[in-house]
N, C-alpha and C. Protein backbone atom coordinates (compact mmCIF):
# COMPACT_ATOMS: atom_id res chain seq x y z
N UNK A 1 -19.46 -34.09 11.12
CA UNK A 1 -19.62 -32.77 11.72
C UNK A 1 -18.24 -32.20 12.05
N UNK A 2 -18.06 -30.90 11.84
CA UNK A 2 -16.78 -30.26 12.12
C UNK A 2 -16.60 -30.05 13.62
N UNK A 3 -15.39 -30.35 14.08
CA UNK A 3 -15.13 -30.06 15.48
C UNK A 3 -14.49 -28.68 15.61
N UNK A 4 -14.37 -28.20 16.83
CA UNK A 4 -13.89 -26.85 17.09
C UNK A 4 -12.47 -26.64 16.57
N UNK A 5 -11.61 -27.63 16.75
CA UNK A 5 -10.21 -27.49 16.31
C UNK A 5 -10.14 -27.33 14.79
N UNK A 6 -10.92 -28.10 14.06
CA UNK A 6 -10.91 -28.00 12.60
C UNK A 6 -11.46 -26.65 12.14
N UNK A 7 -12.53 -26.19 12.77
CA UNK A 7 -13.10 -24.89 12.42
C UNK A 7 -12.07 -23.79 12.68
N UNK A 8 -11.33 -23.88 13.78
CA UNK A 8 -10.31 -22.89 14.11
C UNK A 8 -9.22 -22.88 13.06
N UNK A 9 -8.77 -24.06 12.63
CA UNK A 9 -7.72 -24.13 11.60
C UNK A 9 -8.20 -23.54 10.27
N UNK A 10 -9.45 -23.81 9.92
CA UNK A 10 -10.00 -23.26 8.68
C UNK A 10 -10.05 -21.73 8.76
N UNK A 11 -10.51 -21.21 9.89
CA UNK A 11 -10.59 -19.76 10.06
C UNK A 11 -9.20 -19.13 10.00
N UNK A 12 -8.21 -19.77 10.60
CA UNK A 12 -6.85 -19.24 10.56
C UNK A 12 -6.30 -19.26 9.14
N UNK A 13 -6.59 -20.32 8.41
CA UNK A 13 -6.11 -20.43 7.03
C UNK A 13 -6.73 -19.34 6.14
N UNK A 14 -7.97 -19.00 6.41
CA UNK A 14 -8.64 -17.96 5.63
C UNK A 14 -8.07 -16.59 5.97
N UNK A 15 -7.78 -16.35 7.24
CA UNK A 15 -7.31 -15.03 7.69
C UNK A 15 -5.83 -14.80 7.38
N UNK A 16 -5.05 -15.85 7.22
CA UNK A 16 -3.60 -15.68 7.02
C UNK A 16 -3.25 -14.82 5.81
N UNK A 17 -3.84 -15.03 4.63
CA UNK A 17 -3.50 -14.15 3.50
C UNK A 17 -3.87 -12.69 3.76
N UNK A 18 -4.94 -12.46 4.53
CA UNK A 18 -5.34 -11.09 4.83
C UNK A 18 -4.29 -10.41 5.69
N UNK A 19 -3.70 -11.13 6.62
CA UNK A 19 -2.65 -10.56 7.48
C UNK A 19 -1.41 -10.22 6.66
N UNK A 20 -1.12 -11.01 5.65
CA UNK A 20 0.05 -10.76 4.81
C UNK A 20 -0.20 -9.60 3.85
N UNK A 21 -1.44 -9.42 3.43
CA UNK A 21 -1.78 -8.37 2.47
C UNK A 21 -1.76 -7.00 3.13
N UNK A 22 -2.15 -6.90 4.36
CA UNK A 22 -2.27 -5.61 5.05
C UNK A 22 -0.95 -4.83 5.07
N UNK A 23 0.16 -5.43 5.51
CA UNK A 23 1.42 -4.65 5.49
C UNK A 23 1.81 -4.20 4.08
N UNK A 24 1.52 -5.02 3.09
CA UNK A 24 1.84 -4.63 1.72
C UNK A 24 1.03 -3.41 1.30
N UNK A 25 -0.23 -3.37 1.69
CA UNK A 25 -1.06 -2.21 1.37
C UNK A 25 -0.55 -0.97 2.09
N UNK A 26 -0.14 -1.13 3.36
CA UNK A 26 0.41 0.00 4.11
C UNK A 26 1.66 0.54 3.44
N UNK A 27 2.54 -0.36 3.00
CA UNK A 27 3.76 0.08 2.32
C UNK A 27 3.45 0.79 1.01
N UNK A 28 2.47 0.28 0.29
CA UNK A 28 2.10 0.91 -0.98
C UNK A 28 1.56 2.32 -0.75
N UNK A 29 0.75 2.48 0.29
CA UNK A 29 0.20 3.80 0.58
C UNK A 29 1.31 4.77 1.01
N UNK A 30 2.28 4.28 1.78
CA UNK A 30 3.40 5.13 2.18
C UNK A 30 4.22 5.53 0.95
N UNK A 31 4.39 4.59 0.04
CA UNK A 31 5.13 4.87 -1.19
C UNK A 31 4.43 5.93 -2.02
N UNK A 32 3.10 5.86 -2.09
CA UNK A 32 2.34 6.85 -2.85
C UNK A 32 2.51 8.23 -2.23
N UNK A 33 2.51 8.31 -0.91
CA UNK A 33 2.69 9.60 -0.24
C UNK A 33 4.08 10.15 -0.55
N UNK A 34 5.08 9.27 -0.57
CA UNK A 34 6.44 9.71 -0.87
C UNK A 34 6.57 10.21 -2.29
N UNK A 35 5.92 9.53 -3.22
CA UNK A 35 5.96 9.96 -4.63
C UNK A 35 5.25 11.30 -4.78
N UNK A 36 4.13 11.47 -4.10
CA UNK A 36 3.41 12.73 -4.16
C UNK A 36 4.25 13.89 -3.66
N UNK A 37 4.99 13.67 -2.58
CA UNK A 37 5.86 14.72 -2.04
C UNK A 37 6.98 15.03 -3.03
N UNK A 38 7.51 14.00 -3.67
CA UNK A 38 8.59 14.21 -4.64
C UNK A 38 8.09 15.01 -5.84
N UNK A 39 6.93 14.64 -6.35
CA UNK A 39 6.36 15.36 -7.49
C UNK A 39 6.08 16.81 -7.11
N UNK A 40 5.60 17.03 -5.89
CA UNK A 40 5.34 18.39 -5.43
C UNK A 40 6.61 19.21 -5.37
N UNK A 41 7.74 18.58 -5.06
CA UNK A 41 9.01 19.30 -4.99
C UNK A 41 9.59 19.56 -6.38
N UNK A 42 9.37 18.63 -7.31
CA UNK A 42 9.95 18.75 -8.65
C UNK A 42 9.13 19.71 -9.51
N UNK A 43 7.84 19.75 -9.34
CA UNK A 43 6.96 20.54 -10.21
C UNK A 43 7.35 22.02 -10.27
N UNK A 44 7.59 22.72 -9.15
CA UNK A 44 7.98 24.13 -9.26
C UNK A 44 9.28 24.31 -10.05
N UNK A 45 10.20 23.38 -9.92
CA UNK A 45 11.46 23.45 -10.66
C UNK A 45 11.19 23.32 -12.16
N UNK A 46 10.30 22.43 -12.54
CA UNK A 46 9.95 22.27 -13.95
C UNK A 46 9.28 23.53 -14.48
N UNK A 47 8.41 24.12 -13.68
CA UNK A 47 7.74 25.35 -14.11
C UNK A 47 8.75 26.47 -14.33
N UNK A 48 9.76 26.54 -13.50
CA UNK A 48 10.78 27.57 -13.60
C UNK A 48 11.58 27.41 -14.88
N UNK A 49 11.77 26.14 -15.30
CA UNK A 49 12.60 25.86 -16.47
C UNK A 49 11.82 25.93 -17.79
N UNK A 50 10.51 26.08 -17.71
CA UNK A 50 9.68 26.11 -18.91
C UNK A 50 10.03 27.34 -19.75
N UNK A 51 10.22 27.10 -21.04
CA UNK A 51 10.53 28.19 -21.96
C UNK A 51 9.22 28.80 -22.42
N UNK A 52 9.08 30.07 -22.23
CA UNK A 52 7.85 30.74 -22.64
C UNK A 52 8.15 31.54 -23.91
N UNK A 53 7.28 31.40 -24.88
CA UNK A 53 7.59 32.14 -26.08
C UNK A 53 6.55 32.14 -27.10
């Protein structure tokens, strides 16, 4: 039968990768927002440079 200490260690081992994944997801989402802002700034410049003819 599992004792409380062993169950606690198993639960911590399962949760540890989730704690490490969360900051990575946050950083990825921040990066996407930054890229979106950059594309929004570049797009009008590209439209201005488009040759119409």
